[in-house]
Amino acid sequence: MKNDSKILKNSLKNLVIRFGREDFVSAILKNSPKEDIKNITLKDISDNQYLKKAKLDDVKITQAKKIIKESGFFDPIIVRAYQGKYEVVIGRVKYIAAKELKLETIPVVVIQLNEEESLLCMLKEISERKTMNIYELALICSHLKKDYDYKNKELADFLNQSSSQISNLLQILSLPEEVLVDISTNRLSYGHAKAICRLSPDEVIKMVKKIQDEHLSVRQTEALVRKEKGVIEENDQNNSTLLEQNKTETKDDGLTITLKFKNGKAKKDALKKLNRLLKKGKCVIE
């Protein structure tokens, strides 16, 4: 393949800037002449090492299979050289569809990217889809943070998001694997996923079943989680901030309440909760 594409000649910094301004797939195909498109044996191409955990929506796979059978490939899959063969960078749905159709070869464009550049390419492409795979996005952000020391702020700037949105995105990776499958295959929305992240794994499984059985909206789910967390926090408080004595005294200058705690940790936890209530205006001391 020719290596004279402007994208391939750019430094990583310029690569990031450029991907922030234009669609990655369009840019690659625009800079890839027809002679750069190759038909490669499907068995020589592997699924993306970072994304293969993310199961794809069966509906999308079925649609892709139908289009390939009827019209072939409108656009080639984008791959990179990897361990003597090739790895999918862009086009996982078409790649899986081609495997299920048992095709011998598929059209690809081979680009030279290292792993960090490959992750950035996928991150931008996934974020620009009309129906993005949130699990894929979270996996890539996680690898960029862990393997290349990216900060939430850097990822947020790259995706034109806020740092808190990146934090919310990464939180879903703490959910049980079966729930992540539901998110990846669009059986559970990102809004629902964010709402249930505060729950324990067992509570998450129960809540997901309730969401799906009762077709709960995100708002209804958030209300249930708040209610559930309220019970949990109350129980935690009874266990960890158990009062040994609660004595009330009346003096001329007002009411004095004396609280004695089980231990230092119990006192610290209780004061933190009191401080949160004060900040929210739910508790007033005069």
Protein backbone atom coordinates (compact mmCIF):
# COMPACT_ATOMS: atom_id res chain seq x y z
CA MET A 1 0.00 0.00 0.00
CA LYS A 2 1.13 3.54 -0.68
CA ASN A 3 2.02 5.51 2.43
CA ASP A 4 1.65 9.02 1.00
CA SER A 5 -1.71 9.79 2.66
CA LYS A 6 -1.62 13.02 4.64
CA ILE A 7 -3.27 11.23 7.55
CA LEU A 8 -0.50 8.66 7.74
CA LYS A 9 2.22 11.32 7.59
CA ASN A 10 0.80 13.40 10.42
CA SER A 11 2.22 13.27 13.92
CA LEU A 12 -0.06 11.84 16.60
CA LYS A 13 -0.90 15.34 17.85
CA ASN A 14 -1.98 16.44 14.36
CA LEU A 15 -3.78 13.13 13.92
CA VAL A 16 -5.88 13.86 17.01
CA ILE A 17 -6.61 17.41 15.83
CA ARG A 18 -7.62 16.25 12.36
CA PHE A 19 -9.84 13.45 13.61
CA GLY A 20 -11.53 16.04 15.80
CA ARG A 21 -12.55 17.97 12.69
CA GLU A 22 -13.66 15.39 10.16
CA ASP A 23 -15.12 11.96 9.76
CA PHE A 24 -12.35 9.38 10.00
CA VAL A 25 -13.78 6.81 7.58
CA SER A 26 -14.47 9.44 4.93
CA ALA A 27 -10.96 10.83 5.33
CA ILE A 28 -9.34 7.41 4.96
CA LEU A 29 -11.37 6.42 1.91
CA LYS A 30 -10.86 9.84 0.33
CA ASN A 31 -7.10 9.41 0.69
CA SER A 32 -7.11 5.78 -0.46
CA PRO A 33 -7.12 5.31 -4.25
CA LYS A 34 -9.01 2.34 -5.66
CA GLU A 35 -5.72 0.50 -6.23
CA ASP A 36 -5.19 0.57 -2.45
CA ILE A 37 -8.33 -1.54 -1.91
CA LYS A 38 -7.35 -5.21 -1.64
CA ASN A 39 -9.30 -8.43 -1.43
CA ILE A 40 -7.87 -10.31 1.55
CA THR A 41 -8.66 -13.81 2.74
CA LEU A 42 -11.09 -13.55 5.63
CA LYS A 43 -9.19 -16.09 7.73
CA ASP A 44 -6.21 -13.70 7.73
CA ILE A 45 -8.24 -10.99 9.47
CA SER A 46 -8.98 -11.03 13.20
CA ASP A 47 -11.56 -9.13 15.21
CA ASN A 48 -10.25 -6.11 17.08
CA GLN A 49 -8.34 -7.19 20.20
CA TYR A 50 -9.79 -4.34 22.28
CA LEU A 51 -13.40 -4.67 21.18
CA LYS A 52 -14.01 -8.38 20.77
CA LYS A 53 -15.56 -8.49 24.26
CA ALA A 54 -18.33 -6.21 22.98
CA LYS A 55 -21.01 -8.40 21.41
CA LEU A 56 -22.73 -6.81 18.42
CA ASP A 57 -26.44 -6.32 17.86
CA ASP A 58 -27.93 -9.28 15.96
CA VAL A 59 -30.28 -6.95 14.10
CA LYS A 60 -27.33 -4.96 12.69
CA ILE A 61 -25.52 -8.17 11.72
CA THR A 62 -28.62 -9.47 9.92
CA GLN A 63 -29.05 -6.17 8.05
CA ALA A 64 -25.38 -6.18 7.03
CA LYS A 65 -25.64 -9.78 5.77
CA LYS A 66 -28.65 -8.88 3.65
CA ILE A 67 -26.90 -5.88 2.09
CA ILE A 68 -23.72 -7.86 1.38
CA LYS A 69 -25.68 -10.69 -0.26
CA GLU A 70 -27.73 -8.31 -2.40
CA SER A 71 -25.21 -5.58 -3.24
CA GLY A 72 -21.78 -6.54 -1.96
CA PHE A 73 -19.58 -4.10 -0.02
CA PHE A 74 -20.33 -0.41 -0.61
CA ASP A 75 -17.19 0.51 1.36
CA PRO A 76 -14.21 -1.68 2.25
CA ILE A 77 -13.38 -2.63 5.83
CA ILE A 78 -10.44 -0.70 7.29
CA VAL A 79 -7.73 -2.89 8.83
CA ARG A 80 -4.17 -2.59 10.07
CA ALA A 81 -1.25 -4.99 9.90
CA TYR A 82 -1.16 -7.03 13.10
CA GLN A 83 1.01 -10.00 14.10
CA GLY A 84 1.77 -10.97 10.51
CA LYS A 85 -1.88 -10.75 9.50
CA TYR A 86 -4.58 -8.05 9.84
CA GLU A 87 -6.84 -6.64 12.53
CA VAL A 88 -10.17 -4.88 12.05
CA VAL A 89 -10.03 -1.17 12.87
CA ILE A 90 -13.30 0.03 11.34
CA GLY A 91 -16.12 -2.23 10.12
CA ARG A 92 -16.72 -4.87 12.81
CA VAL A 93 -20.36 -5.34 11.82
CA LYS A 94 -19.45 -6.08 8.18
CA TYR A 95 -16.58 -8.29 9.30
CA ILE A 96 -18.81 -10.45 11.54
CA ALA A 97 -21.50 -10.54 8.83
CA ALA A 98 -18.93 -11.72 6.28
CA LYS A 99 -17.77 -14.47 8.66
CA GLU A 100 -21.34 -15.66 9.18
CA LEU A 101 -21.81 -15.68 5.39
CA LYS A 102 -18.60 -17.75 5.17
CA LEU A 103 -17.07 -15.51 2.53
CA GLU A 104 -13.55 -16.39 1.40
CA THR A 105 -12.30 -12.84 0.79
CA ILE A 106 -13.45 -9.30 1.62
CA PRO A 107 -12.35 -5.86 0.34
CA VAL A 108 -10.16 -3.91 2.77
CA VAL A 109 -8.01 -0.82 3.01
CA VAL A 110 -4.82 -1.49 4.97
CA ILE A 111 -3.53 1.49 6.97
CA GLN A 112 -0.39 1.75 9.06
CA LEU A 113 -1.33 2.62 12.63
CA ASN A 114 0.21 1.70 15.94
CA GLU A 115 -2.06 0.56 18.75
CA GLU A 116 -2.49 4.02 20.28
CA GLU A 117 -3.43 5.56 16.94
CA SER A 118 -5.74 2.64 16.25
CA LEU A 119 -7.56 3.24 19.55
CA LEU A 120 -7.95 6.95 18.77
CA CYS A 121 -9.31 6.15 15.30
CA MET A 122 -11.88 3.75 16.70
CA LEU A 123 -12.82 6.15 19.48
CA LYS A 124 -13.62 8.94 17.04
CA GLU A 125 -15.42 6.70 14.55
CA ILE A 126 -17.62 5.07 17.19
CA SER A 127 -18.51 8.44 18.75
CA GLU A 128 -19.71 9.74 15.38
CA ARG A 129 -22.12 6.88 14.64
CA LYS A 130 -25.84 7.64 14.76
CA THR A 131 -26.26 4.64 17.04
CA MET A 132 -22.95 4.26 18.85
CA ASN A 133 -22.00 1.21 20.88
CA ILE A 134 -21.47 2.64 24.37
CA TYR A 135 -19.68 -0.47 25.61
CA GLU A 136 -17.15 -0.23 22.77
CA LEU A 137 -16.61 3.45 23.55
CA ALA A 138 -16.05 2.72 27.26
CA LEU A 139 -13.58 -0.09 26.49
CA ILE A 140 -11.47 2.16 24.27
CA CYS A 141 -11.43 5.01 26.79
CA SER A 142 -10.40 2.55 29.48
CA HIS A 143 -7.49 1.21 27.42
CA LEU A 144 -6.29 4.72 26.51
CA LYS A 145 -6.28 5.63 30.21
CA LYS A 146 -4.67 2.41 31.41
CA ASP A 147 -2.16 1.77 28.61
CA TYR A 148 -1.30 5.31 27.49
CA ASP A 149 -2.03 7.43 30.57
CA TYR A 150 -4.77 9.52 28.97
CA LYS A 151 -6.70 11.72 31.39
CA ASN A 152 -10.48 12.14 31.41
CA LYS A 153 -10.02 15.77 30.37
CA GLU A 154 -7.98 14.76 27.29
CA LEU A 155 -10.56 12.17 26.24
CA ALA A 156 -13.35 14.68 26.88
CA ASP A 157 -11.68 17.30 24.68
CA PHE A 158 -11.16 14.73 21.92
CA LEU A 159 -14.84 13.74 21.98
CA ASN A 160 -16.20 17.26 22.63
CA GLN A 161 -17.67 16.07 25.91
CA SER A 162 -17.22 17.00 29.57
CA SER A 163 -14.88 15.18 31.96
CA SER A 164 -17.89 14.09 34.03
CA GLN A 165 -19.42 12.45 30.95
CA ILE A 166 -16.24 10.42 30.49
CA SER A 167 -16.38 9.40 34.16
CA ASN A 168 -20.01 8.30 33.72
CA LEU A 169 -19.06 6.36 30.60
CA LEU A 170 -16.25 4.49 32.36
CA GLN A 171 -18.50 3.63 35.30
CA ILE A 172 -20.51 1.20 33.21
CA LEU A 173 -17.47 -1.11 32.98
CA SER A 174 -18.08 -1.99 36.63
CA LEU A 175 -21.43 -3.58 35.73
CA PRO A 176 -21.78 -7.40 35.52
CA GLU A 177 -20.74 -8.95 32.21
CA GLU A 178 -24.24 -10.08 31.31
CA VAL A 179 -25.49 -6.51 31.73
CA LEU A 180 -22.67 -5.20 29.53
CA VAL A 181 -23.85 -7.63 26.84
CA ASP A 182 -27.34 -6.10 27.09
CA ILE A 183 -25.85 -2.61 26.72
CA SER A 184 -23.69 -3.65 23.76
CA THR A 185 -26.64 -5.25 21.94
CA ASN A 186 -29.04 -2.35 22.63
CA ARG A 187 -31.24 -4.31 25.03
CA LEU A 188 -30.41 -1.78 27.73
CA SER A 189 -29.91 1.94 27.11
CA TYR A 190 -26.98 4.02 28.30
CA GLY A 191 -29.36 6.09 30.42
CA HIS A 192 -30.53 2.96 32.24
CA ALA A 193 -26.93 1.79 32.61
CA LYS A 194 -25.84 5.06 34.22
CA ALA A 195 -28.77 4.92 36.63
CA ILE A 196 -27.97 1.45 37.97
CA CYS A 197 -24.18 1.86 38.35
CA ARG A 198 -24.61 2.81 42.02
CA LEU A 199 -26.13 -0.55 42.89
CA SER A 200 -24.36 -3.73 43.95
CA PRO A 201 -23.98 -6.50 41.29
CA ASP A 202 -26.89 -8.53 42.70
CA GLU A 203 -29.11 -5.46 42.86
CA VAL A 204 -28.10 -4.54 39.28
CA ILE A 205 -29.26 -7.93 37.95
CA LYS A 206 -32.61 -7.59 39.74
CA MET A 207 -33.06 -4.02 38.54
CA VAL A 208 -32.28 -4.88 34.90
CA LYS A 209 -34.90 -7.65 34.99
CA LYS A 210 -37.41 -5.17 36.40
CA ILE A 211 -36.52 -2.59 33.74
CA GLN A 212 -37.01 -5.10 30.95
CA ASP A 213 -40.09 -6.84 32.37
CA GLU A 214 -41.91 -3.60 33.20
CA HIS A 215 -40.46 -1.46 30.38
CA LEU A 216 -39.33 1.20 32.84
CA SER A 217 -38.19 4.57 31.55
CA VAL A 218 -34.82 6.02 32.57
CA ARG A 219 -36.57 8.47 34.90
CA GLN A 220 -38.55 5.68 36.57
CA THR A 221 -35.34 3.67 36.95
CA GLU A 222 -33.52 6.62 38.51
CA ALA A 223 -36.35 7.06 41.01
CA LEU A 224 -36.20 3.37 41.97
CA VAL A 225 -32.42 3.53 42.39
CA ARG A 226 -32.72 6.60 44.62
CA LYS A 227 -35.28 4.78 46.72
CA GLU A 228 -33.11 1.66 46.88
CA LYS A 229 -30.02 3.67 47.80
CA GLY A 230 -31.98 5.48 50.48
CA VAL A 231 -32.76 2.16 52.12
CA ILE A 232 -29.15 1.02 51.74
CA GLU A 233 -27.74 4.22 53.26
CA GLU A 234 -30.18 4.02 56.15
CA ASN A 235 -29.17 0.43 56.82
CA ASP A 236 -25.49 1.32 56.55
CA GLN A 237 -25.99 4.14 58.98
CA ASN A 238 -27.69 1.83 61.46
CA ASN A 239 -24.76 -0.57 61.22
CA SER A 240 -21.77 1.77 61.08
CA THR A 241 -22.95 4.89 62.91
CA LEU A 242 -24.92 3.22 65.65
CA LEU A 243 -25.37 5.66 68.51
CA GLU A 244 -24.48 4.48 71.97
CA GLN A 245 -26.28 7.44 73.46
CA ASN A 246 -28.57 10.13 72.18
CA LYS A 247 -29.15 12.72 74.89
CA THR A 248 -31.11 15.94 74.47
CA GLU A 249 -30.71 18.82 76.87
CA THR A 250 -32.67 22.05 77.03
CA LYS A 251 -30.77 25.22 77.91
CA ASP A 252 -31.71 28.88 78.09
CA ASP A 253 -29.96 29.63 74.82
CA GLY A 254 -31.60 26.82 72.84
CA LEU A 255 -31.50 23.08 72.25
CA THR A 256 -28.31 21.04 72.62
CA ILE A 257 -28.05 17.53 71.22
CA THR A 258 -25.18 15.32 72.32
CA LEU A 259 -24.29 12.35 70.13
CA LYS A 260 -21.84 9.60 71.02
CA PHE A 261 -20.68 7.30 68.24
CA LYS A 262 -19.63 3.69 68.18
CA ASN A 263 -16.12 4.56 66.91
CA GLY A 264 -14.12 7.17 65.02
CA LYS A 265 -15.05 5.82 61.61
CA ALA A 266 -18.75 5.90 62.49
CA LYS A 267 -18.41 9.54 63.52
CA LYS A 268 -16.55 10.44 60.32
CA ASP A 269 -19.17 8.72 58.11
CA ALA A 270 -22.03 10.46 59.90
CA LEU A 271 -20.41 13.89 59.58
CA LYS A 272 -19.84 13.34 55.86
CA LYS A 273 -23.51 12.52 55.35
CA LEU A 274 -24.57 15.52 57.45
CA ASN A 275 -22.31 17.76 55.37
CA ARG A 276 -23.88 16.49 52.14
CA LEU A 277 -27.36 17.22 53.49
CA LEU A 278 -26.31 20.73 54.52
CA LYS A 279 -24.91 21.44 51.05
CA LYS A 280 -28.14 20.24 49.43
CA GLY A 281 -30.21 22.42 51.75
CA LYS A 282 -31.99 19.41 53.19
CA CYS A 283 -30.73 20.16 56.66
CA VAL A 284 -30.33 23.54 58.37
CA ILE A 285 -28.43 24.36 61.57
CA GLU A 286 -29.15 27.74 63.12
